[in-house]
All heavy atoms as atom14 arrays in JSON, in Angstrom:
{
  "sequence": "FVRYCFSQFGFTLPHSSAAQISHGIEVDIDQAKAGDLIFFKGHNSGSQ",
  "atom14_mask": [
    [1, 1, 1, 1, 1, 1, 1, 1, 1, 1, 1, 0, 0, 0],
    [1, 1, 1, 1, 1, 1, 1, 0, 0, 0, 0, 0, 0, 0],
    [1, 1, 1, 1, 1, 1, 1, 1, 1, 1, 1, 0, 0, 0],
    [1, 1, 1, 1, 1, 1, 1, 1, 1, 1, 1, 1, 0, 0],
    [1, 1, 1, 1, 1, 1, 0, 0, 0, 0, 0, 0, 0, 0],
    [1, 1, 1, 1, 1, 1, 1, 1, 1, 1, 1, 0, 0, 0],
    [1, 1, 1, 1, 1, 1, 0, 0, 0, 0, 0, 0, 0, 0],
    [1, 1, 1, 1, 1, 1, 1, 1, 1, 0, 0, 0, 0, 0],
    [1, 1, 1, 1, 1, 1, 1, 1, 1, 1, 1, 0, 0, 0],
    [1, 1, 1, 1, 0, 0, 0, 0, 0, 0, 0, 0, 0, 0],
    [1, 1, 1, 1, 1, 1, 1, 1, 1, 1, 1, 0, 0, 0],
    [1, 1, 1, 1, 1, 1, 1, 0, 0, 0, 0, 0, 0, 0],
    [1, 1, 1, 1, 1, 1, 1, 1, 0, 0, 0, 0, 0, 0],
    [1, 1, 1, 1, 1, 1, 1, 0, 0, 0, 0, 0, 0, 0],
    [1, 1, 1, 1, 1, 1, 1, 1, 1, 1, 0, 0, 0, 0],
    [1, 1, 1, 1, 1, 1, 0, 0, 0, 0, 0, 0, 0, 0],
    [1, 1, 1, 1, 1, 1, 0, 0, 0, 0, 0, 0, 0, 0],
    [1, 1, 1, 1, 1, 0, 0, 0, 0, 0, 0, 0, 0, 0],
    [1, 1, 1, 1, 1, 0, 0, 0, 0, 0, 0, 0, 0, 0],
    [1, 1, 1, 1, 1, 1, 1, 1, 1, 0, 0, 0, 0, 0],
    [1, 1, 1, 1, 1, 1, 1, 1, 0, 0, 0, 0, 0, 0],
    [1, 1, 1, 1, 1, 1, 0, 0, 0, 0, 0, 0, 0, 0],
    [1, 1, 1, 1, 1, 1, 1, 1, 1, 1, 0, 0, 0, 0],
    [1, 1, 1, 1, 0, 0, 0, 0, 0, 0, 0, 0, 0, 0],
    [1, 1, 1, 1, 1, 1, 1, 1, 0, 0, 0, 0, 0, 0],
    [1, 1, 1, 1, 1, 1, 1, 1, 1, 0, 0, 0, 0, 0],
    [1, 1, 1, 1, 1, 1, 1, 0, 0, 0, 0, 0, 0, 0],
    [1, 1, 1, 1, 1, 1, 1, 1, 0, 0, 0, 0, 0, 0],
    [1, 1, 1, 1, 1, 1, 1, 1, 0, 0, 0, 0, 0, 0],
    [1, 1, 1, 1, 1, 1, 1, 1, 0, 0, 0, 0, 0, 0],
    [1, 1, 1, 1, 1, 1, 1, 1, 1, 0, 0, 0, 0, 0],
    [1, 1, 1, 1, 1, 0, 0, 0, 0, 0, 0, 0, 0, 0],
    [1, 1, 1, 1, 1, 1, 1, 1, 1, 0, 0, 0, 0, 0],
    [1, 1, 1, 1, 1, 0, 0, 0, 0, 0, 0, 0, 0, 0],
    [1, 1, 1, 1, 0, 0, 0, 0, 0, 0, 0, 0, 0, 0],
    [1, 1, 1, 1, 1, 1, 1, 1, 0, 0, 0, 0, 0, 0],
    [1, 1, 1, 1, 1, 1, 1, 1, 0, 0, 0, 0, 0, 0],
    [1, 1, 1, 1, 1, 1, 1, 1, 0, 0, 0, 0, 0, 0],
    [1, 1, 1, 1, 1, 1, 1, 1, 1, 1, 1, 0, 0, 0],
    [1, 1, 1, 1, 1, 1, 1, 1, 1, 1, 1, 0, 0, 0],
    [1, 1, 1, 1, 1, 1, 1, 1, 1, 0, 0, 0, 0, 0],
    [1, 1, 1, 1, 0, 0, 0, 0, 0, 0, 0, 0, 0, 0],
    [1, 1, 1, 1, 1, 1, 1, 1, 1, 1, 0, 0, 0, 0],
    [1, 1, 1, 1, 1, 1, 1, 1, 0, 0, 0, 0, 0, 0],
    [1, 1, 1, 1, 1, 1, 0, 0, 0, 0, 0, 0, 0, 0],
    [1, 1, 1, 1, 0, 0, 0, 0, 0, 0, 0, 0, 0, 0],
    [1, 1, 1, 1, 1, 1, 0, 0, 0, 0, 0, 0, 0, 0],
    [1, 1, 1, 1, 1, 1, 1, 1, 1, 0, 0, 0, 0, 0]
  ],
  "atom14_positions": [
    [[-1.26, -4.73, -9.33], [-2.46, -5.54, -8.86], [-3.26, -4.72, -7.87], [-4.43, -4.67, -8.0], [-1.9, -6.82, -8.22], [-3.01, -7.67, -7.66], [-4.02, -8.21, -8.41], [-2.98, -7.87, -6.27], [-5.04, -8.93, -7.83], [-4.03, -8.65, -5.69], [-5.09, -9.18, -6.49], [0.0, 0.0, 0.0], [0.0, 0.0, 0.0], [0.0, 0.0, 0.0]],
    [[-2.59, -4.14, -6.91], [-3.33, -3.28, -5.92], [-4.04, -2.14, -6.58], [-5.22, -1.92, -6.37], [-2.3, -2.72, -4.85], [-2.96, -1.69, -3.99], [-1.84, -3.89, -3.99], [0.0, 0.0, 0.0], [0.0, 0.0, 0.0], [0.0, 0.0, 0.0], [0.0, 0.0, 0.0], [0.0, 0.0, 0.0], [0.0, 0.0, 0.0], [0.0, 0.0, 0.0]],
    [[-3.32, -1.48, -7.48], [-3.94, -0.32, -8.22], [-5.2, -0.7, -8.98], [-6.21, -0.06, -9.05], [-2.87, 0.32, -9.21], [-3.39, 1.52, -9.93], [-2.25, 2.05, -10.73], [-2.59, 3.33, -11.24], [-2.49, 3.64, -12.56], [-2.17, 2.77, -13.47], [-2.88, 4.85, -12.96], [0.0, 0.0, 0.0], [0.0, 0.0, 0.0], [0.0, 0.0, 0.0]],
    [[-5.01, -1.87, -9.74], [-6.15, -2.39, -10.54], [-7.37, -2.76, -9.69], [-8.45, -2.34, -10.01], [-5.64, -3.64, -11.24], [-6.74, -4.36, -12.08], [-7.1, -3.88, -13.34], [-7.36, -5.48, -11.57], [-8.08, -4.53, -14.07], [-8.31, -6.17, -12.27], [-8.71, -5.63, -13.54], [-9.65, -6.31, -14.27], [0.0, 0.0, 0.0], [0.0, 0.0, 0.0]],
    [[-7.16, -3.43, -8.58], [-8.25, -3.78, -7.72], [-8.96, -2.52, -7.11], [-10.2, -2.42, -7.12], [-7.75, -4.71, -6.57], [-7.32, -6.36, -7.13], [0.0, 0.0, 0.0], [0.0, 0.0, 0.0], [0.0, 0.0, 0.0], [0.0, 0.0, 0.0], [0.0, 0.0, 0.0], [0.0, 0.0, 0.0], [0.0, 0.0, 0.0], [0.0, 0.0, 0.0]],
    [[-8.16, -1.59, -6.62], [-8.8, -0.41, -6.05], [-9.5, 0.44, -7.08], [-10.47, 1.01, -6.77], [-7.75, 0.43, -5.25], [-7.52, -0.04, -3.84], [-6.81, -1.1, -3.44], [-8.24, 0.65, -2.78], [-6.6, -1.48, -2.18], [-8.06, 0.28, -1.5], [-7.3, -0.8, -1.14], [0.0, 0.0, 0.0], [0.0, 0.0, 0.0], [0.0, 0.0, 0.0]],
    [[-8.94, 0.46, -8.27], [-9.58, 1.27, -9.32], [-10.99, 0.81, -9.65], [-11.86, 1.56, -10.08], [-8.7, 1.31, -10.63], [-8.77, 0.09, -11.31], [0.0, 0.0, 0.0], [0.0, 0.0, 0.0], [0.0, 0.0, 0.0], [0.0, 0.0, 0.0], [0.0, 0.0, 0.0], [0.0, 0.0, 0.0], [0.0, 0.0, 0.0], [0.0, 0.0, 0.0]],
    [[-11.23, -0.49, -9.45], [-12.56, -1.06, -9.7], [-13.65, -0.56, -8.76], [-14.83, -0.69, -8.97], [-12.54, -2.56, -9.69], [-11.5, -3.22, -10.6], [-11.73, -2.8, -12.06], [-12.75, -3.01, -12.66], [-10.65, -2.26, -12.66], [0.0, 0.0, 0.0], [0.0, 0.0, 0.0], [0.0, 0.0, 0.0], [0.0, 0.0, 0.0], [0.0, 0.0, 0.0]],
    [[-13.15, 0.1, -7.66], [-14.06, 0.56, -6.65], [-13.89, 2.14, -6.51], [-14.28, 2.68, -5.47], [-13.79, -0.11, -5.29], [-14.09, -1.5, -5.38], [-13.21, -2.46, -5.87], [-15.34, -1.95, -5.02], [-13.52, -3.81, -5.96], [-15.69, -3.35, -5.19], [-14.78, -4.21, -5.62], [0.0, 0.0, 0.0], [0.0, 0.0, 0.0], [0.0, 0.0, 0.0]],
    [[-13.37, 2.7, -7.54], [-13.32, 4.24, -7.64], [-12.12, 4.86, -6.96], [-12.07, 6.19, -6.81], [0.0, 0.0, 0.0], [0.0, 0.0, 0.0], [0.0, 0.0, 0.0], [0.0, 0.0, 0.0], [0.0, 0.0, 0.0], [0.0, 0.0, 0.0], [0.0, 0.0, 0.0], [0.0, 0.0, 0.0], [0.0, 0.0, 0.0], [0.0, 0.0, 0.0]],
    [[-11.15, 4.15, -6.6], [-9.92, 4.73, -5.91], [-8.87, 4.82, -6.96], [-8.57, 3.92, -7.72], [-9.46, 3.83, -4.8], [-10.44, 3.78, -3.68], [-11.38, 2.84, -3.57], [-10.43, 4.75, -2.68], [-12.3, 2.72, -2.56], [-11.32, 4.66, -1.59], [-12.22, 3.66, -1.55], [0.0, 0.0, 0.0], [0.0, 0.0, 0.0], [0.0, 0.0, 0.0]],
    [[-8.13, 5.94, -6.93], [-7.02, 6.14, -7.84], [-5.68, 6.1, -7.06], [-5.54, 6.91, -6.15], [-7.11, 7.47, -8.57], [-8.39, 7.55, -9.22], [-5.95, 7.76, -9.57], [0.0, 0.0, 0.0], [0.0, 0.0, 0.0], [0.0, 0.0, 0.0], [0.0, 0.0, 0.0], [0.0, 0.0, 0.0], [0.0, 0.0, 0.0], [0.0, 0.0, 0.0]],
    [[-4.86, 5.12, -7.46], [-3.54, 4.95, -6.77], [-2.48, 5.01, -7.85], [-2.73, 4.59, -8.96], [-3.47, 3.66, -6.04], [-4.38, 3.48, -4.82], [-4.29, 2.01, -4.31], [-3.92, 4.39, -3.71], [0.0, 0.0, 0.0], [0.0, 0.0, 0.0], [0.0, 0.0, 0.0], [0.0, 0.0, 0.0], [0.0, 0.0, 0.0], [0.0, 0.0, 0.0]],
    [[-1.34, 5.46, -7.46], [-0.21, 5.48, -8.42], [0.3, 4.05, -8.68], [0.05, 3.13, -7.92], [0.95, 6.32, -7.8], [0.54, 6.26, -6.33], [-0.9, 6.05, -6.22], [0.0, 0.0, 0.0], [0.0, 0.0, 0.0], [0.0, 0.0, 0.0], [0.0, 0.0, 0.0], [0.0, 0.0, 0.0], [0.0, 0.0, 0.0], [0.0, 0.0, 0.0]],
    [[1.05, 3.85, -9.74], [1.62, 2.51, -10.1], [3.0, 2.44, -9.59], [3.91, 2.37, -10.38], [1.45, 2.22, -11.6], [1.97, 0.77, -11.89], [1.91, 0.28, -13.1], [2.4, -0.22, -11.09], [2.36, -0.97, -13.08], [2.66, -1.28, -11.86], [0.0, 0.0, 0.0], [0.0, 0.0, 0.0], [0.0, 0.0, 0.0], [0.0, 0.0, 0.0]],
    [[3.15, 2.39, -8.31], [4.42, 2.24, -7.67], [4.18, 2.08, -6.19], [3.49, 2.86, -5.57], [5.38, 3.38, -7.93], [6.13, 3.77, -6.84], [0.0, 0.0, 0.0], [0.0, 0.0, 0.0], [0.0, 0.0, 0.0], [0.0, 0.0, 0.0], [0.0, 0.0, 0.0], [0.0, 0.0, 0.0], [0.0, 0.0, 0.0], [0.0, 0.0, 0.0]],
    [[4.74, 1.04, -5.59], [4.54, 0.79, -4.19], [5.15, 1.89, -3.38], [4.59, 2.32, -2.38], [5.05, -0.59, -3.76], [6.46, -0.71, -4.11], [0.0, 0.0, 0.0], [0.0, 0.0, 0.0], [0.0, 0.0, 0.0], [0.0, 0.0, 0.0], [0.0, 0.0, 0.0], [0.0, 0.0, 0.0], [0.0, 0.0, 0.0], [0.0, 0.0, 0.0]],
    [[6.32, 2.47, -3.85], [6.93, 3.58, -3.12], [6.05, 4.8, -3.1], [6.02, 5.59, -2.19], [8.25, 3.84, -3.8], [0.0, 0.0, 0.0], [0.0, 0.0, 0.0], [0.0, 0.0, 0.0], [0.0, 0.0, 0.0], [0.0, 0.0, 0.0], [0.0, 0.0, 0.0], [0.0, 0.0, 0.0], [0.0, 0.0, 0.0], [0.0, 0.0, 0.0]],
    [[5.22, 4.97, -4.16], [4.28, 6.14, -4.26], [2.98, 5.8, -3.53], [2.41, 6.7, -2.92], [4.01, 6.5, -5.71], [0.0, 0.0, 0.0], [0.0, 0.0, 0.0], [0.0, 0.0, 0.0], [0.0, 0.0, 0.0], [0.0, 0.0, 0.0], [0.0, 0.0, 0.0], [0.0, 0.0, 0.0], [0.0, 0.0, 0.0], [0.0, 0.0, 0.0]],
    [[2.59, 4.57, -3.57], [1.34, 4.2, -2.88], [1.39, 4.37, -1.38], [0.39, 4.66, -0.67], [0.95, 2.74, -3.22], [0.44, 2.6, -4.64], [0.15, 1.09, -4.99], [0.33, 0.23, -4.2], [-0.33, 0.94, -6.23], [0.0, 0.0, 0.0], [0.0, 0.0, 0.0], [0.0, 0.0, 0.0], [0.0, 0.0, 0.0], [0.0, 0.0, 0.0]],
    [[2.54, 4.21, -0.77], [2.7, 4.35, 0.69], [2.43, 5.8, 1.14], [2.14, 6.0, 2.38], [4.06, 3.84, 1.19], [3.97, 3.59, 2.71], [5.15, 4.86, 0.84], [5.14, 2.79, 3.3], [0.0, 0.0, 0.0], [0.0, 0.0, 0.0], [0.0, 0.0, 0.0], [0.0, 0.0, 0.0], [0.0, 0.0, 0.0], [0.0, 0.0, 0.0]],
    [[2.39, 6.74, 0.25], [2.07, 8.11, 0.67], [0.56, 8.43, 0.59], [0.1, 9.49, 0.92], [2.8, 9.09, -0.19], [2.36, 9.02, -1.57], [0.0, 0.0, 0.0], [0.0, 0.0, 0.0], [0.0, 0.0, 0.0], [0.0, 0.0, 0.0], [0.0, 0.0, 0.0], [0.0, 0.0, 0.0], [0.0, 0.0, 0.0], [0.0, 0.0, 0.0]],
    [[-0.22, 7.44, 0.25], [-1.71, 7.62, 0.16], [-2.38, 6.97, 1.4], [-1.85, 6.15, 2.07], [-2.25, 6.95, -1.07], [-1.91, 7.71, -2.34], [-0.63, 7.92, -2.82], [-2.69, 8.43, -3.19], [-0.68, 8.64, -3.89], [-1.91, 8.99, -4.15], [0.0, 0.0, 0.0], [0.0, 0.0, 0.0], [0.0, 0.0, 0.0], [0.0, 0.0, 0.0]],
    [[-3.6, 7.49, 1.65], [-4.35, 7.0, 2.8], [-3.7, 7.47, 4.15], [-2.97, 8.42, 4.17], [0.0, 0.0, 0.0], [0.0, 0.0, 0.0], [0.0, 0.0, 0.0], [0.0, 0.0, 0.0], [0.0, 0.0, 0.0], [0.0, 0.0, 0.0], [0.0, 0.0, 0.0], [0.0, 0.0, 0.0], [0.0, 0.0, 0.0], [0.0, 0.0, 0.0]],
    [[-4.1, 6.77, 5.16], [-3.58, 7.11, 6.55], [-2.75, 5.97, 7.11], [-3.06, 4.79, 6.9], [-4.74, 7.53, 7.47], [-5.75, 6.38, 7.65], [-5.46, 8.78, 7.01], [-6.71, 6.62, 8.69], [0.0, 0.0, 0.0], [0.0, 0.0, 0.0], [0.0, 0.0, 0.0], [0.0, 0.0, 0.0], [0.0, 0.0, 0.0], [0.0, 0.0, 0.0]],
    [[-1.74, 6.35, 7.83], [-0.91, 5.31, 8.52], [-1.67, 4.61, 9.63], [-2.41, 5.25, 10.32], [0.37, 5.98, 9.02], [1.36, 4.97, 9.6], [2.67, 5.68, 9.99], [2.69, 6.94, 9.95], [3.56, 4.93, 10.42], [0.0, 0.0, 0.0], [0.0, 0.0, 0.0], [0.0, 0.0, 0.0], [0.0, 0.0, 0.0], [0.0, 0.0, 0.0]],
    [[-1.5, 3.3, 9.68], [-2.23, 2.52, 10.71], [-1.13, 1.57, 11.41], [-0.34, 0.99, 10.74], [-3.24, 1.62, 10.01], [-3.95, 0.73, 11.03], [-4.32, 2.51, 9.28], [0.0, 0.0, 0.0], [0.0, 0.0, 0.0], [0.0, 0.0, 0.0], [0.0, 0.0, 0.0], [0.0, 0.0, 0.0], [0.0, 0.0, 0.0], [0.0, 0.0, 0.0]],
    [[-1.24, 1.55, 12.74], [-0.4, 0.63, 13.55], [-0.83, -0.81, 13.19], [-2.03, -1.04, 12.96], [-0.52, 0.87, 14.97], [0.09, 2.19, 15.47], [1.11, 2.62, 14.76], [-0.38, 2.77, 16.49], [0.0, 0.0, 0.0], [0.0, 0.0, 0.0], [0.0, 0.0, 0.0], [0.0, 0.0, 0.0], [0.0, 0.0, 0.0], [0.0, 0.0, 0.0]],
    [[0.11, -1.7, 13.3], [-0.23, -3.14, 12.95], [-1.35, -3.7, 13.86], [-2.07, -4.46, 13.42], [1.08, -3.98, 12.99], [0.83, -5.31, 12.26], [1.56, -4.13, 14.41], [2.01, -6.04, 11.84], [0.0, 0.0, 0.0], [0.0, 0.0, 0.0], [0.0, 0.0, 0.0], [0.0, 0.0, 0.0], [0.0, 0.0, 0.0], [0.0, 0.0, 0.0]],
    [[-1.35, -3.21, 15.11], [-2.43, -3.81, 15.98], [-3.79, -3.17, 15.67], [-4.8, -3.64, 16.18], [-2.07, -3.53, 17.48], [-1.85, -2.08, 17.82], [-1.54, -1.29, 16.95], [-1.93, -1.77, 19.0], [0.0, 0.0, 0.0], [0.0, 0.0, 0.0], [0.0, 0.0, 0.0], [0.0, 0.0, 0.0], [0.0, 0.0, 0.0], [0.0, 0.0, 0.0]],
    [[-3.87, -2.22, 14.74], [-5.14, -1.65, 14.38], [-5.49, -2.01, 12.88], [-6.46, -1.55, 12.32], [-5.12, -0.12, 14.42], [-4.89, 0.39, 15.84], [-6.03, -0.02, 16.75], [-7.21, 0.15, 16.46], [-5.65, -0.55, 17.99], [0.0, 0.0, 0.0], [0.0, 0.0, 0.0], [0.0, 0.0, 0.0], [0.0, 0.0, 0.0], [0.0, 0.0, 0.0]],
    [[-4.69, -2.84, 12.28], [-4.84, -3.26, 10.9], [-6.19, -3.97, 10.69], [-6.65, -4.68, 11.55], [-3.7, -4.12, 10.44], [0.0, 0.0, 0.0], [0.0, 0.0, 0.0], [0.0, 0.0, 0.0], [0.0, 0.0, 0.0], [0.0, 0.0, 0.0], [0.0, 0.0, 0.0], [0.0, 0.0, 0.0], [0.0, 0.0, 0.0], [0.0, 0.0, 0.0]],
    [[-6.78, -3.74, 9.45], [-8.04, -4.39, 9.14], [-7.89, -4.88, 7.68], [-7.11, -4.47, 6.83], [-9.19, -3.35, 9.18], [-9.41, -2.86, 10.54], [-10.56, -1.87, 10.5], [-10.81, -1.3, 11.85], [-11.9, -0.3, 11.84], [0.0, 0.0, 0.0], [0.0, 0.0, 0.0], [0.0, 0.0, 0.0], [0.0, 0.0, 0.0], [0.0, 0.0, 0.0]],
    [[-8.88, -5.77, 7.39], [-8.91, -6.35, 5.95], [-9.15, -5.13, 5.03], [-9.98, -4.24, 5.38], [-10.05, -7.32, 5.89], [0.0, 0.0, 0.0], [0.0, 0.0, 0.0], [0.0, 0.0, 0.0], [0.0, 0.0, 0.0], [0.0, 0.0, 0.0], [0.0, 0.0, 0.0], [0.0, 0.0, 0.0], [0.0, 0.0, 0.0], [0.0, 0.0, 0.0]],
    [[-8.48, -5.1, 3.97], [-8.58, -4.07, 2.97], [-7.45, -3.01, 3.09], [-7.26, -2.2, 2.18], [0.0, 0.0, 0.0], [0.0, 0.0, 0.0], [0.0, 0.0, 0.0], [0.0, 0.0, 0.0], [0.0, 0.0, 0.0], [0.0, 0.0, 0.0], [0.0, 0.0, 0.0], [0.0, 0.0, 0.0], [0.0, 0.0, 0.0], [0.0, 0.0, 0.0]],
    [[-6.74, -3.02, 4.22], [-5.57, -2.07, 4.37], [-4.47, -2.53, 3.48], [-4.32, -3.73, 3.17], [-5.08, -2.07, 5.84], [-6.05, -1.37, 6.76], [-6.96, -0.64, 6.29], [-5.89, -1.48, 8.0], [0.0, 0.0, 0.0], [0.0, 0.0, 0.0], [0.0, 0.0, 0.0], [0.0, 0.0, 0.0], [0.0, 0.0, 0.0], [0.0, 0.0, 0.0]],
    [[-3.6, -1.62, 3.07], [-2.44, -1.99, 2.27], [-1.25, -2.2, 3.24], [-1.15, -1.52, 4.24], [-2.0, -0.81, 1.34], [-3.03, -0.42, 0.28], [-2.48, 0.65, -0.61], [-3.5, -1.65, -0.49], [0.0, 0.0, 0.0], [0.0, 0.0, 0.0], [0.0, 0.0, 0.0], [0.0, 0.0, 0.0], [0.0, 0.0, 0.0], [0.0, 0.0, 0.0]],
    [[-0.46, -3.21, 2.92], [0.72, -3.55, 3.7], [1.94, -3.44, 2.84], [1.94, -3.9, 1.69], [0.55, -5.0, 4.39], [1.75, -5.26, 5.27], [0.37, -6.04, 3.31], [1.52, -6.45, 6.21], [0.0, 0.0, 0.0], [0.0, 0.0, 0.0], [0.0, 0.0, 0.0], [0.0, 0.0, 0.0], [0.0, 0.0, 0.0], [0.0, 0.0, 0.0]],
    [[2.98, -2.75, 3.33], [4.17, -2.44, 2.52], [5.41, -3.09, 3.09], [5.57, -3.3, 4.27], [4.36, -0.92, 2.49], [3.27, -0.2, 1.85], [2.13, 0.26, 2.49], [3.37, 0.04, 0.4], [1.14, 0.92, 1.81], [2.39, 0.72, -0.24], [1.24, 1.19, 0.44], [0.0, 0.0, 0.0], [0.0, 0.0, 0.0], [0.0, 0.0, 0.0]],
    [[6.32, -3.44, 2.06], [7.57, -4.1, 2.44], [8.67, -3.47, 1.68], [8.56, -2.8, 0.61], [7.49, -5.54, 2.02], [6.28, -6.29, 2.63], [5.09, -6.32, 1.97], [6.49, -6.94, 3.81], [4.0, -7.04, 2.53], [5.4, -7.62, 4.4], [4.18, -7.68, 3.79], [0.0, 0.0, 0.0], [0.0, 0.0, 0.0], [0.0, 0.0, 0.0]],
    [[9.92, -3.65, 2.17], [11.11, -3.33, 1.41], [11.18, -4.27, 0.25], [10.54, -5.37, 0.31], [12.33, -3.46, 2.3], [12.4, -2.66, 3.48], [13.5, -2.96, 4.39], [13.4, -2.19, 5.71], [14.44, -2.6, 6.67], [0.0, 0.0, 0.0], [0.0, 0.0, 0.0], [0.0, 0.0, 0.0], [0.0, 0.0, 0.0], [0.0, 0.0, 0.0]],
    [[12.01, -3.97, -0.81], [12.14, -4.83, -1.9], [13.0, -6.04, -1.49], [13.03, -6.55, -0.39], [0.0, 0.0, 0.0], [0.0, 0.0, 0.0], [0.0, 0.0, 0.0], [0.0, 0.0, 0.0], [0.0, 0.0, 0.0], [0.0, 0.0, 0.0], [0.0, 0.0, 0.0], [0.0, 0.0, 0.0], [0.0, 0.0, 0.0], [0.0, 0.0, 0.0]],
    [[13.68, -6.66, -2.49], [14.48, -7.84, -2.28], [15.55, -7.67, -1.21], [15.98, -8.52, -0.53], [15.14, -8.32, -3.6], [14.15, -8.78, -4.56], [13.37, -9.94, -4.45], [13.68, -8.27, -5.77], [12.58, -10.08, -5.35], [12.72, -9.09, -6.26], [0.0, 0.0, 0.0], [0.0, 0.0, 0.0], [0.0, 0.0, 0.0], [0.0, 0.0, 0.0]],
    [[16.1, -6.44, -1.09], [17.2, -6.18, -0.17], [16.56, -5.7, 1.16], [16.13, -4.63, 1.41], [18.09, -5.11, -0.7], [19.23, -4.78, 0.23], [19.39, -5.29, 1.29], [20.13, -3.86, -0.25], [0.0, 0.0, 0.0], [0.0, 0.0, 0.0], [0.0, 0.0, 0.0], [0.0, 0.0, 0.0], [0.0, 0.0, 0.0], [0.0, 0.0, 0.0]],
    [[16.66, -6.65, 2.17], [15.99, -6.28, 3.46], [16.77, -5.24, 4.22], [16.28, -4.6, 5.17], [15.95, -7.54, 4.32], [17.2, -8.07, 4.64], [0.0, 0.0, 0.0], [0.0, 0.0, 0.0], [0.0, 0.0, 0.0], [0.0, 0.0, 0.0], [0.0, 0.0, 0.0], [0.0, 0.0, 0.0], [0.0, 0.0, 0.0], [0.0, 0.0, 0.0]],
    [[18.02, -4.92, 3.75], [18.81, -3.86, 4.42], [18.45, -2.44, 3.87], [18.81, -1.47, 4.44], [0.0, 0.0, 0.0], [0.0, 0.0, 0.0], [0.0, 0.0, 0.0], [0.0, 0.0, 0.0], [0.0, 0.0, 0.0], [0.0, 0.0, 0.0], [0.0, 0.0, 0.0], [0.0, 0.0, 0.0], [0.0, 0.0, 0.0], [0.0, 0.0, 0.0]],
    [[17.76, -2.38, 2.78], [17.33, -1.11, 2.17], [16.29, -0.44, 2.99], [15.56, -1.06, 3.75], [16.84, -1.44, 0.76], [16.2, -0.28, 0.21], [0.0, 0.0, 0.0], [0.0, 0.0, 0.0], [0.0, 0.0, 0.0], [0.0, 0.0, 0.0], [0.0, 0.0, 0.0], [0.0, 0.0, 0.0], [0.0, 0.0, 0.0], [0.0, 0.0, 0.0]],
    [[16.13, 0.78, 2.8], [15.12, 1.56, 3.44], [13.95, 1.92, 2.46], [12.96, 2.5, 2.83], [15.68, 2.86, 4.02], [16.67, 2.67, 5.1], [16.07, 1.88, 6.27], [15.03, 2.1, 6.81], [16.87, 0.86, 6.7], [0.0, 0.0, 0.0], [0.0, 0.0, 0.0], [0.0, 0.0, 0.0], [0.0, 0.0, 0.0], [0.0, 0.0, 0.0]]
  ]
}
């Protein structure tokens, strides 16, 4: 979904959240803005 939406605006992202986190620049949560990507662990909250 993220990849599809961004591709409509000329951005190329890989099809994997684990790979997408290596794109763009890291942003602290207090500097987050609309349009930024937000990442989470999968179903296992203990996983890294």
